[in-house]
Amino acid sequence: MVWYRIGPLETLGHVVEAQRLLWVLCRKCGHTQRFDPRHLMALRGDLTLKELQRQLRCQRCRRQRAAVVADDEGWPRRD
């Protein structure tokens, strides 16, 4: 698998360039969800992952205690 980005993934734009998905974990209740960074970028703009963490709210417990991590796997292929 070829990654198109070399270097740290610090912004949503970097994650899109690397063709990775994002895992968002609630540090309060443990709820996890995977997001496509292209959708988040369309809604929020090209934020840093730290800024995105501060803005997201858990769908289960409604707290703002998110941890955002880029997934090791790339986008699903559509062959």
Protein backbone atom coordinates (compact mmCIF):
# COMPACT_ATOMS: atom_id res chain seq x y z
CA MET A 1 0.00 0.00 0.00
CA VAL A 2 1.39 3.41 -0.94
CA TRP A 3 0.92 6.46 1.28
CA TYR A 4 1.02 9.82 -0.42
CA ARG A 5 2.04 11.80 2.66
CA ILE A 6 5.35 11.55 4.47
CA GLY A 7 5.61 13.20 7.86
CA PRO A 8 3.35 13.77 10.86
CA LEU A 9 -0.41 13.89 10.41
CA GLU A 10 -1.26 17.12 12.24
CA THR A 11 -4.26 18.48 10.30
CA LEU A 12 -7.33 17.06 8.59
CA GLY A 13 -5.71 17.99 5.27
CA HIS A 14 -2.68 15.83 6.11
CA VAL A 15 -4.96 12.89 6.97
CA VAL A 16 -6.85 13.30 3.69
CA GLU A 17 -3.56 13.50 1.79
CA ALA A 18 -2.39 10.27 3.45
CA GLN A 19 -5.77 8.66 2.61
CA ARG A 20 -6.42 7.56 6.18
CA LEU A 21 -9.55 7.32 8.28
CA LEU A 22 -9.88 8.80 11.78
CA TRP A 23 -10.79 7.01 14.99
CA VAL A 24 -12.49 9.18 17.60
CA LEU A 25 -12.55 7.80 21.15
CA CYS A 26 -14.48 9.30 24.05
CA ARG A 27 -12.18 9.36 27.06
CA LYS A 28 -15.17 9.50 29.42
CA CYS A 29 -17.36 6.54 28.35
CA GLY A 30 -15.13 4.70 25.85
CA HIS A 31 -17.45 5.07 22.84
CA THR A 32 -15.52 4.87 19.55
CA GLN A 33 -16.41 5.82 16.01
CA ARG A 34 -14.55 5.91 12.71
CA PHE A 35 -14.84 9.00 10.49
CA ASP A 36 -13.89 9.88 6.95
CA PRO A 37 -11.74 13.03 7.29
CA ARG A 38 -13.11 14.38 3.99
CA HIS A 39 -16.56 14.72 5.60
CA LEU A 40 -15.14 16.41 8.69
CA MET A 41 -13.14 18.80 6.50
CA ALA A 42 -16.27 19.73 4.56
CA LEU A 43 -18.08 20.53 7.83
CA ARG A 44 -15.30 22.12 9.90
CA GLY A 45 -12.51 23.14 7.50
CA ASP A 46 -8.84 22.17 7.72
CA LEU A 47 -8.44 22.01 11.50
CA THR A 48 -5.54 20.58 13.43
CA LEU A 49 -6.35 17.28 15.13
CA LYS A 50 -5.96 19.00 18.54
CA GLU A 51 -8.54 21.65 17.60
CA LEU A 52 -10.86 18.93 16.33
CA GLN A 53 -10.54 17.06 19.64
CA ARG A 54 -11.70 20.15 21.52
CA GLN A 55 -14.74 20.62 19.26
CA LEU A 56 -16.12 17.07 19.06
CA ARG A 57 -18.80 15.82 21.43
CA CYS A 58 -19.54 12.15 22.19
CA GLN A 59 -22.79 10.88 20.69
CA ARG A 60 -23.39 8.60 23.67
CA CYS A 61 -22.56 10.63 26.81
CA ARG A 62 -22.54 14.13 25.18
CA ARG A 63 -19.18 15.06 26.82
CA GLN A 64 -16.37 16.88 25.05
CA ARG A 65 -13.58 14.44 25.94
CA ALA A 66 -12.44 13.16 22.53
CA ALA A 67 -9.17 11.59 21.49
CA VAL A 68 -8.59 11.67 17.71
CA VAL A 69 -6.21 9.18 16.09
CA ALA A 70 -5.40 8.50 12.43
CA ASP A 71 -6.15 4.87 11.49
CA ASP A 72 -3.26 2.69 10.29
CA GLU A 73 -5.35 1.38 7.42
CA GLY A 74 -6.14 3.47 4.38
CA TRP A 75 -9.49 4.17 2.77
CA PRO A 76 -11.45 1.13 1.61
CA ARG A 77 -10.74 0.26 -2.01
CA ARG A 78 -13.54 0.16 -4.54
CA ASP A 79 -12.39 -2.32 -7.15
